Amino acid sequence: MLKFPYKKLWTWNYKVGLVLSRNLFICSQFMQQRQRPENIMNVFDRKAKQIQKNRTAFIKDCYVYDYLKEEVAVRMVDRICDVKRKFNIAVELGCWRGHIARHITTDMIGTYYQCEMADKVLEQAYTSEEVPTYKLQVDEEFLPFKENSLDLVVSSLSHVRW
């Protein structure tokens, strides 16, 4: 059995807290300082995401890169068709360029709301010719709809890069 020299690495000081060797310490003041809002890292920065999405609106050949979103939208509309009822009010969160709106019909949806946080991308969004469609610039975390007022909520690859 190996024996290691035992050395007390910490002491307790009632005024400061836990005092570690080499002047490293953890105290209640230090913990309170770390909990202030300016020190908290914002992992999901909504403003930065809005800027990134708006930049995509200025790419000249942006529609070349939307093939995956278009394919997912077609499949999502196919799933909506599988449900044998009409949804009076439907909302799409993060509509990008309106990929789902291209394929919906009045047999499926009565009123359609496209919600997007990036205003430049929302301007490019396709709207359905059959279904009454409204474009709303909203943050997906703070929706302007009343509770229990929606029949269908969809989101198609909206937050792929989170």
N, C-alpha and C. Protein backbone atom coordinates (compact mmCIF):
# COMPACT_ATOMS: atom_id res chain seq x y z
N MET A 1 0.84 -1.17 0.00
CA MET A 1 0.00 0.00 0.00
C MET A 1 0.89 1.25 0.00
N LEU A 2 0.58 2.16 -0.89
CA LEU A 2 1.33 3.40 -0.96
C LEU A 2 0.79 4.39 0.06
N LYS A 3 1.69 5.13 0.65
CA LYS A 3 1.27 6.15 1.60
C LYS A 3 1.59 7.51 1.02
N PHE A 4 0.60 8.36 1.04
CA PHE A 4 0.79 9.72 0.56
C PHE A 4 0.87 10.64 1.77
N PRO A 5 1.73 11.62 1.66
CA PRO A 5 1.79 12.56 2.79
C PRO A 5 0.48 13.34 2.87
N TYR A 6 -0.11 13.33 4.02
CA TYR A 6 -1.38 14.01 4.21
C TYR A 6 -1.12 15.47 4.55
N LYS A 7 -1.77 16.32 3.80
CA LYS A 7 -1.68 17.75 4.06
C LYS A 7 -3.08 18.31 3.99
N LYS A 8 -3.45 19.08 4.97
CA LYS A 8 -4.78 19.66 4.97
C LYS A 8 -4.84 20.74 3.90
N LEU A 9 -5.70 20.53 2.91
CA LEU A 9 -5.77 21.44 1.77
C LEU A 9 -6.73 22.60 2.00
N TRP A 10 -7.52 22.54 3.05
CA TRP A 10 -8.47 23.59 3.26
C TRP A 10 -8.70 23.82 4.74
N THR A 11 -9.17 24.99 5.06
CA THR A 11 -9.59 25.33 6.41
C THR A 11 -10.91 26.09 6.31
N TRP A 12 -11.63 26.15 7.39
CA TRP A 12 -12.90 26.85 7.40
C TRP A 12 -12.76 28.13 8.19
N ASN A 13 -13.11 29.23 7.56
CA ASN A 13 -13.11 30.52 8.22
C ASN A 13 -14.55 31.02 8.19
N TYR A 14 -15.11 31.34 9.34
CA TYR A 14 -16.52 31.72 9.42
C TYR A 14 -16.81 33.07 8.76
N LYS A 15 -15.83 33.93 8.65
CA LYS A 15 -16.04 35.22 8.02
C LYS A 15 -15.95 35.13 6.49
N VAL A 16 -15.06 34.28 5.99
CA VAL A 16 -14.79 34.20 4.56
C VAL A 16 -15.48 33.01 3.92
N GLY A 17 -15.47 31.88 4.57
CA GLY A 17 -16.04 30.69 3.99
C GLY A 17 -14.97 29.61 3.92
N LEU A 18 -14.97 28.84 2.87
CA LEU A 18 -14.01 27.77 2.68
C LEU A 18 -12.72 28.35 2.12
N VAL A 19 -11.61 28.17 2.81
CA VAL A 19 -10.33 28.70 2.37
C VAL A 19 -9.47 27.53 1.92
N LEU A 20 -9.06 27.56 0.66
CA LEU A 20 -8.24 26.50 0.10
C LEU A 20 -6.78 26.90 0.16
N SER A 21 -5.90 25.95 -0.03
CA SER A 21 -4.47 26.26 -0.02
C SER A 21 -4.12 27.16 -1.19
N ARG A 22 -3.00 27.81 -1.12
CA ARG A 22 -2.51 28.73 -2.16
C ARG A 22 -3.47 29.90 -2.39
N ASN A 23 -4.08 30.35 -1.36
CA ASN A 23 -4.95 31.53 -1.38
C ASN A 23 -6.16 31.40 -2.31
N LEU A 24 -6.57 30.19 -2.62
CA LEU A 24 -7.81 29.98 -3.37
C LEU A 24 -8.93 29.86 -2.36
N PHE A 25 -9.99 30.59 -2.54
CA PHE A 25 -11.08 30.50 -1.60
C PHE A 25 -12.41 30.67 -2.30
N ILE A 26 -13.41 30.10 -1.67
CA ILE A 26 -14.77 30.25 -2.12
C ILE A 26 -15.53 30.90 -0.97
N CYS A 27 -16.15 31.98 -1.23
CA CYS A 27 -16.89 32.65 -0.17
C CYS A 27 -18.28 33.03 -0.67
N SER A 28 -19.11 33.40 0.25
CA SER A 28 -20.48 33.74 -0.13
C SER A 28 -20.50 35.00 -1.00
N GLN A 29 -19.59 35.94 -0.78
CA GLN A 29 -19.54 37.14 -1.60
C GLN A 29 -19.18 36.79 -3.04
N PHE A 30 -18.26 35.86 -3.22
CA PHE A 30 -17.86 35.44 -4.56
C PHE A 30 -19.02 34.78 -5.28
N MET A 31 -19.78 33.93 -4.58
CA MET A 31 -20.91 33.25 -5.21
C MET A 31 -22.01 34.25 -5.58
N GLN A 32 -22.25 35.24 -4.74
CA GLN A 32 -23.25 36.24 -5.07
C GLN A 32 -22.82 37.07 -6.28
N GLN A 33 -21.53 37.34 -6.37
CA GLN A 33 -21.02 38.13 -7.49
C GLN A 33 -21.21 37.37 -8.81
N ARG A 34 -21.08 36.07 -8.81
CA ARG A 34 -21.23 35.28 -10.01
C ARG A 34 -22.68 35.20 -10.47
N GLN A 35 -23.64 35.47 -9.60
CA GLN A 35 -25.03 35.34 -9.96
C GLN A 35 -25.63 36.64 -10.48
N ARG A 36 -24.86 37.68 -10.58
CA ARG A 36 -25.38 38.93 -11.13
C ARG A 36 -25.66 38.76 -12.62
N PRO A 37 -26.69 39.44 -13.13
CA PRO A 37 -27.10 39.25 -14.53
C PRO A 37 -26.01 39.54 -15.55
N GLU A 38 -25.12 40.50 -15.30
CA GLU A 38 -24.12 40.82 -16.30
C GLU A 38 -23.05 39.74 -16.42
N ASN A 39 -23.00 38.82 -15.46
CA ASN A 39 -22.02 37.75 -15.52
C ASN A 39 -22.60 36.45 -16.07
N ILE A 40 -23.89 36.40 -16.27
CA ILE A 40 -24.53 35.18 -16.76
C ILE A 40 -24.40 35.15 -18.28
N MET A 41 -23.88 34.04 -18.80
CA MET A 41 -23.72 33.89 -20.24
C MET A 41 -25.06 33.54 -20.86
N ASN A 42 -25.44 34.26 -21.89
CA ASN A 42 -26.69 34.02 -22.59
C ASN A 42 -26.41 33.04 -23.73
N VAL A 43 -26.75 31.78 -23.52
CA VAL A 43 -26.45 30.74 -24.50
C VAL A 43 -27.30 30.92 -25.75
N PHE A 44 -28.58 31.20 -25.59
CA PHE A 44 -29.48 31.37 -26.71
C PHE A 44 -29.75 32.86 -26.90
N ASP A 45 -28.86 33.53 -27.57
CA ASP A 45 -28.97 34.97 -27.76
C ASP A 45 -29.93 35.25 -28.91
N ARG A 46 -31.14 35.68 -28.58
CA ARG A 46 -32.18 35.89 -29.57
C ARG A 46 -31.84 37.01 -30.54
N LYS A 47 -31.21 38.06 -30.04
CA LYS A 47 -30.85 39.20 -30.90
C LYS A 47 -29.81 38.77 -31.94
N ALA A 48 -28.82 37.99 -31.51
CA ALA A 48 -27.81 37.51 -32.45
C ALA A 48 -28.42 36.59 -33.50
N LYS A 49 -29.37 35.77 -33.08
CA LYS A 49 -30.04 34.87 -34.03
C LYS A 49 -30.86 35.65 -35.05
N GLN A 50 -31.49 36.73 -34.61
CA GLN A 50 -32.25 37.57 -35.53
C GLN A 50 -31.33 38.22 -36.56
N ILE A 51 -30.19 38.68 -36.13
CA ILE A 51 -29.21 39.29 -37.05
C ILE A 51 -28.72 38.25 -38.06
N GLN A 52 -28.44 37.03 -37.59
CA GLN A 52 -27.97 35.97 -38.49
C GLN A 52 -29.03 35.63 -39.53
N LYS A 53 -30.27 35.52 -39.11
CA LYS A 53 -31.35 35.20 -40.05
C LYS A 53 -31.55 36.31 -41.07
N ASN A 54 -31.47 37.55 -40.63
CA ASN A 54 -31.63 38.68 -41.55
C ASN A 54 -30.51 38.73 -42.58
N ARG A 55 -29.33 38.29 -42.20
CA ARG A 55 -28.21 38.25 -43.16
C ARG A 55 -28.50 37.28 -44.30
N THR A 56 -29.22 36.21 -44.01
CA THR A 56 -29.51 35.23 -45.07
C THR A 56 -30.45 35.81 -46.13
N ALA A 57 -31.18 36.84 -45.77
CA ALA A 57 -32.09 37.45 -46.75
C ALA A 57 -31.35 38.20 -47.83
N PHE A 58 -30.11 38.58 -47.59
CA PHE A 58 -29.34 39.36 -48.56
C PHE A 58 -28.45 38.50 -49.45
N ILE A 59 -28.46 37.19 -49.24
CA ILE A 59 -27.70 36.31 -50.11
C ILE A 59 -28.43 36.22 -51.45
N LYS A 60 -27.71 36.46 -52.54
CA LYS A 60 -28.35 36.53 -53.86
C LYS A 60 -28.98 35.21 -54.29
N ASP A 61 -28.29 34.12 -54.03
CA ASP A 61 -28.81 32.81 -54.44
C ASP A 61 -29.30 32.01 -53.23
N CYS A 62 -29.99 32.67 -52.31
CA CYS A 62 -30.43 32.02 -51.07
C CYS A 62 -31.41 30.87 -51.34
N TYR A 63 -32.16 30.94 -52.42
CA TYR A 63 -33.14 29.90 -52.70
C TYR A 63 -32.49 28.58 -53.13
N VAL A 64 -31.23 28.63 -53.55
CA VAL A 64 -30.52 27.41 -53.91
C VAL A 64 -30.32 26.51 -52.70
N TYR A 65 -30.20 27.13 -51.52
CA TYR A 65 -29.88 26.37 -50.31
C TYR A 65 -31.11 25.95 -49.52
N ASP A 66 -32.30 26.23 -50.02
CA ASP A 66 -33.53 25.92 -49.29
C ASP A 66 -34.14 24.58 -49.66
N TYR A 67 -33.42 23.75 -50.39
CA TYR A 67 -34.00 22.48 -50.85
C TYR A 67 -34.36 21.56 -49.69
N LEU A 68 -33.57 21.57 -48.62
CA LEU A 68 -33.86 20.70 -47.48
C LEU A 68 -35.11 21.18 -46.74
N LYS A 69 -35.23 22.47 -46.55
CA LYS A 69 -36.41 23.02 -45.89
C LYS A 69 -37.66 22.79 -46.74
N GLU A 70 -37.51 22.85 -48.03
CA GLU A 70 -38.65 22.60 -48.93
C GLU A 70 -39.09 21.14 -48.82
N GLU A 71 -38.14 20.22 -48.78
CA GLU A 71 -38.48 18.80 -48.66
C GLU A 71 -39.17 18.49 -47.33
N VAL A 72 -38.67 19.07 -46.26
CA VAL A 72 -39.28 18.86 -44.95
C VAL A 72 -40.68 19.48 -44.91
N ALA A 73 -40.87 20.61 -45.55
CA ALA A 73 -42.19 21.25 -45.60
C ALA A 73 -43.20 20.39 -46.34
N VAL A 74 -42.78 19.79 -47.45
CA VAL A 74 -43.68 18.91 -48.20
C VAL A 74 -44.10 17.73 -47.34
N ARG A 75 -43.16 17.17 -46.60
CA ARG A 75 -43.48 16.02 -45.74
C ARG A 75 -44.39 16.44 -44.58
N MET A 76 -44.17 17.63 -44.05
CA MET A 76 -45.01 18.09 -42.94
C MET A 76 -46.44 18.34 -43.42
N VAL A 77 -46.60 18.93 -44.59
CA VAL A 77 -47.94 19.15 -45.13
C VAL A 77 -48.62 17.82 -45.43
N ASP A 78 -47.85 16.84 -45.85
CA ASP A 78 -48.40 15.50 -46.06
C ASP A 78 -48.93 14.92 -44.76
N ARG A 79 -48.23 15.16 -43.65
CA ARG A 79 -48.71 14.69 -42.35
C ARG A 79 -49.98 15.44 -41.92
N ILE A 80 -50.04 16.72 -42.25
CA ILE A 80 -51.25 17.50 -41.92
C ILE A 80 -52.43 16.96 -42.71
N CYS A 81 -52.20 16.54 -43.94
CA CYS A 81 -53.27 15.96 -44.78
C CYS A 81 -53.78 14.64 -44.22
N ASP A 82 -52.91 13.94 -43.49
CA ASP A 82 -53.32 12.66 -42.90
C ASP A 82 -54.39 12.83 -41.83
N VAL A 83 -54.44 14.00 -41.23
CA VAL A 83 -55.46 14.26 -40.21
C VAL A 83 -56.76 14.62 -40.92
N LYS A 84 -57.80 13.93 -40.61
CA LYS A 84 -59.08 14.08 -41.33
C LYS A 84 -59.95 15.17 -40.72
N ARG A 85 -59.41 16.36 -40.56
CA ARG A 85 -60.21 17.49 -40.10
C ARG A 85 -59.57 18.77 -40.60
N LYS A 86 -60.32 19.82 -40.56
CA LYS A 86 -59.82 21.12 -40.99
C LYS A 86 -59.40 21.92 -39.74
N PHE A 87 -58.24 22.50 -39.77
CA PHE A 87 -57.74 23.32 -38.68
C PHE A 87 -58.13 24.78 -38.98
N ASN A 88 -58.96 25.36 -38.12
CA ASN A 88 -59.43 26.72 -38.37
C ASN A 88 -58.31 27.75 -38.28
N ILE A 89 -57.51 27.66 -37.24
CA ILE A 89 -56.41 28.62 -37.05
C ILE A 89 -55.11 27.83 -36.90
N ALA A 90 -54.16 28.09 -37.79
CA ALA A 90 -52.87 27.42 -37.76
C ALA A 90 -51.75 28.45 -37.69
N VAL A 91 -50.71 28.11 -36.97
CA VAL A 91 -49.56 28.99 -36.80
C VAL A 91 -48.29 28.23 -37.15
N GLU A 92 -47.44 28.87 -37.93
CA GLU A 92 -46.12 28.30 -38.20
C GLU A 92 -45.08 29.16 -37.49
N LEU A 93 -44.33 28.56 -36.60
CA LEU A 93 -43.29 29.27 -35.88
C LEU A 93 -41.97 29.15 -36.64
N GLY A 94 -41.37 30.27 -36.95
CA GLY A 94 -40.13 30.26 -37.72
C GLY A 94 -40.40 29.85 -39.15
N CYS A 95 -41.16 30.65 -39.87
CA CYS A 95 -41.62 30.25 -41.21
C CYS A 95 -40.53 30.37 -42.28
N TRP A 96 -39.43 31.05 -41.99
CA TRP A 96 -38.37 31.31 -42.97
C TRP A 96 -38.98 31.92 -44.23
N ARG A 97 -38.90 31.24 -45.34
CA ARG A 97 -39.40 31.82 -46.60
C ARG A 97 -40.74 31.23 -47.02
N GLY A 98 -41.50 30.72 -46.08
CA GLY A 98 -42.86 30.26 -46.36
C GLY A 98 -42.92 28.94 -47.09
N HIS A 99 -42.09 28.00 -46.72
CA HIS A 99 -42.07 26.71 -47.42
C HIS A 99 -43.35 25.92 -47.21
N ILE A 100 -43.91 25.95 -46.03
CA ILE A 100 -45.15 25.22 -45.76
C ILE A 100 -46.33 25.91 -46.44
N ALA A 101 -46.31 27.25 -46.47
CA ALA A 101 -47.42 28.01 -47.05
C ALA A 101 -47.60 27.71 -48.54
N ARG A 102 -46.57 27.27 -49.21
CA ARG A 102 -46.67 26.95 -50.64
C ARG A 102 -47.59 25.76 -50.90
N HIS A 103 -47.75 24.90 -49.88
CA HIS A 103 -48.42 23.63 -50.11
C HIS A 103 -49.74 23.47 -49.38
N ILE A 104 -50.14 24.43 -48.55
CA ILE A 104 -51.39 24.26 -47.81
C ILE A 104 -52.59 24.68 -48.66
N THR A 105 -53.73 24.10 -48.35
CA THR A 105 -54.96 24.40 -49.09
C THR A 105 -56.08 24.73 -48.11
N THR A 106 -57.18 25.20 -48.65
CA THR A 106 -58.33 25.55 -47.81
C THR A 106 -59.01 24.32 -47.21
N ASP A 107 -58.75 23.14 -47.76
CA ASP A 107 -59.30 21.92 -47.18
C ASP A 107 -58.64 21.58 -45.85
N MET A 108 -57.40 22.05 -45.67
CA MET A 108 -56.64 21.73 -44.47
C MET A 108 -56.74 22.81 -43.40
N ILE A 109 -56.61 24.07 -43.81
CA ILE A 109 -56.44 25.18 -42.87
C ILE A 109 -57.37 26.32 -43.24
N GLY A 110 -57.98 26.95 -42.22
CA GLY A 110 -58.84 28.10 -42.44
C GLY A 110 -58.06 29.40 -42.49
N THR A 111 -57.33 29.73 -41.44
CA THR A 111 -56.51 30.94 -41.37
C THR A 111 -55.11 30.54 -40.97
N TYR A 112 -54.12 31.12 -41.64
CA TYR A 112 -52.73 30.72 -41.43
C TYR A 112 -51.89 31.92 -41.02
N TYR A 113 -51.16 31.79 -39.90
CA TYR A 113 -50.27 32.84 -39.41
C TYR A 113 -48.82 32.38 -39.55
N GLN A 114 -48.03 33.18 -40.23
CA GLN A 114 -46.60 32.91 -40.36
C GLN A 114 -45.85 33.78 -39.37
N CYS A 115 -45.17 33.17 -38.43
CA CYS A 115 -44.42 33.90 -37.41
C CYS A 115 -42.93 33.73 -37.64
N GLU A 116 -42.24 34.84 -37.68
CA GLU A 116 -40.79 34.83 -37.89
C GLU A 116 -40.19 35.99 -37.10
N MET A 117 -39.02 35.75 -36.51
CA MET A 117 -38.38 36.80 -35.72
C MET A 117 -37.56 37.76 -36.59
N ALA A 118 -37.15 37.34 -37.77
CA ALA A 118 -36.32 38.16 -38.65
C ALA A 118 -37.20 38.85 -39.69
N ASP A 119 -37.24 40.16 -39.65
CA ASP A 119 -38.14 40.91 -40.52
C ASP A 119 -37.77 40.81 -41.99
N LYS A 120 -36.49 40.78 -42.33
CA LYS A 120 -36.08 40.70 -43.74
C LYS A 120 -36.43 39.34 -44.35
N VAL A 121 -36.32 38.29 -43.57
CA VAL A 121 -36.70 36.96 -44.05
C VAL A 121 -38.22 36.88 -44.18
N LEU A 122 -38.94 37.50 -43.26
CA LEU A 122 -40.40 37.48 -43.31
C LEU A 122 -40.93 38.20 -44.55
N GLU A 123 -40.23 39.24 -44.98
CA GLU A 123 -40.63 39.94 -46.21
C GLU A 123 -40.54 39.03 -47.42
N GLN A 124 -39.58 38.09 -47.42
CA GLN A 124 -39.40 37.17 -48.54
C GLN A 124 -40.32 35.96 -48.46
N ALA A 125 -41.03 35.79 -47.36
CA ALA A 125 -41.85 34.59 -47.16
C ALA A 125 -43.00 34.54 -48.16
N TYR A 126 -43.17 33.39 -48.75
CA TYR A 126 -44.27 33.13 -49.67
C TYR A 126 -45.56 33.00 -48.88
N THR A 127 -46.64 33.55 -49.38
CA THR A 127 -47.94 33.39 -48.73
C THR A 127 -48.85 32.57 -49.64
N SER A 128 -49.73 31.84 -49.02
CA SER A 128 -50.65 30.99 -49.77
C SER A 128 -51.68 31.84 -50.51
N GLU A 129 -52.00 31.44 -51.73
CA GLU A 129 -53.01 32.14 -52.52
C GLU A 129 -54.42 31.69 -52.14
N GLU A 130 -54.54 30.49 -51.62
CA GLU A 130 -55.85 29.95 -51.26
C GLU A 130 -56.27 30.31 -49.84
N VAL A 131 -55.35 30.16 -48.91
CA VAL A 131 -55.65 30.32 -47.48
C VAL A 131 -55.33 31.76 -47.05
N PRO A 132 -56.23 32.42 -46.31
CA PRO A 132 -55.90 33.74 -45.77
C PRO A 132 -54.67 33.64 -44.87
N THR A 133 -53.60 34.36 -45.23
CA THR A 133 -52.32 34.24 -44.54
C THR A 133 -51.90 35.59 -44.00
N TYR A 134 -51.42 35.58 -42.76
CA TYR A 134 -50.95 36.80 -42.11
C TYR A 134 -49.51 36.60 -41.65
N LYS A 135 -48.66 37.58 -41.94
CA LYS A 135 -47.26 37.53 -41.52
C LYS A 135 -47.10 38.33 -40.23
N LEU A 136 -46.46 37.72 -39.25
CA LEU A 136 -46.23 38.37 -37.97
C LEU A 136 -44.76 38.28 -37.59
N GLN A 137 -44.17 39.43 -37.27
CA GLN A 137 -42.80 39.40 -36.76
C GLN A 137 -42.88 39.30 -35.24
N VAL A 138 -42.61 38.12 -34.73
CA VAL A 138 -42.68 37.87 -33.29
C VAL A 138 -41.52 36.98 -32.88
N ASP A 139 -41.18 37.06 -31.62
CA ASP A 139 -40.24 36.14 -31.03
C ASP A 139 -41.02 34.88 -30.67
N GLU A 140 -40.50 33.74 -31.06
CA GLU A 140 -41.22 32.48 -30.87
C GLU A 140 -41.44 32.14 -29.40
N GLU A 141 -40.69 32.77 -28.51
CA GLU A 141 -40.86 32.50 -27.09
C GLU A 141 -41.95 33.35 -26.46
N PHE A 142 -42.39 34.39 -27.14
CA PHE A 142 -43.42 35.29 -26.61
C PHE A 142 -44.49 35.48 -27.69
N LEU A 143 -45.41 34.56 -27.76
CA LEU A 143 -46.41 34.57 -28.81
C LEU A 143 -47.59 35.48 -28.47
N PRO A 144 -48.14 36.18 -29.45
CA PRO A 144 -49.23 37.12 -29.20
C PRO A 144 -50.63 36.50 -29.27
N PHE A 145 -50.73 35.20 -29.07
CA PHE A 145 -52.01 34.52 -29.19
C PHE A 145 -52.56 34.18 -27.81
N LYS A 146 -53.88 34.18 -27.72
CA LYS A 146 -54.51 33.80 -26.46
C LYS A 146 -54.34 32.31 -26.22
N GLU A 147 -54.41 31.93 -24.98
CA GLU A 147 -54.28 30.53 -24.62
C GLU A 147 -55.47 29.74 -25.17
N ASN A 148 -55.20 28.57 -25.70
CA ASN A 148 -56.21 27.67 -26.28
C ASN A 148 -56.96 28.27 -27.46
N SER A 149 -56.30 29.14 -28.22
CA SER A 149 -56.97 29.76 -29.38
C SER A 149 -56.47 29.18 -30.70
N LEU A 150 -55.51 28.29 -30.66
CA LEU A 150 -54.91 27.75 -31.90
C LEU A 150 -55.30 26.29 -32.07
N ASP A 151 -55.53 25.91 -33.32
CA ASP A 151 -55.86 24.52 -33.62
C ASP A 151 -54.63 23.73 -34.05
N LEU A 152 -53.67 24.40 -34.67
CA LEU A 152 -52.48 23.72 -35.16
C LEU A 152 -51.28 24.66 -35.05
N VAL A 153 -50.18 24.14 -34.50
CA VAL A 153 -48.92 24.87 -34.44
C VAL A 153 -47.84 23.98 -35.03
N VAL A 154 -47.14 24.49 -36.04
CA VAL A 154 -46.07 23.74 -36.69
C VAL A 154 -44.80 24.57 -36.69
N SER A 155 -43.69 23.86 -36.78
CA SER A 155 -42.39 24.51 -36.91
C SER A 155 -41.51 23.57 -37.71
N SER A 156 -41.01 24.06 -38.81
CA SER A 156 -40.27 23.21 -39.73
C SER A 156 -38.82 23.67 -39.83
N LEU A 157 -37.92 22.99 -39.14
CA LEU A 157 -36.48 23.28 -39.16
C LEU A 157 -36.17 24.75 -38.80
N SER A 158 -36.93 25.29 -37.90
CA SER A 158 -36.73 26.68 -37.55
C SER A 158 -35.46 26.91 -36.77
N HIS A 159 -35.15 26.03 -35.84
CA HIS A 159 -33.99 26.23 -34.96
C HIS A 159 -32.94 25.15 -35.18
N VAL A 160 -32.62 24.90 -36.41
CA VAL A 160 -31.65 23.85 -36.72
C VAL A 160 -30.27 24.20 -36.17
N ARG A 161 -29.89 25.46 -36.21
CA ARG A 161 -28.54 25.84 -35.83
C ARG A 161 -28.38 26.20 -34.37
N TRP A 162 -29.40 26.00 -33.53
CA TRP A 162 -29.24 26.32 -32.12
C TRP A 162 -28.23 25.42 -31.55
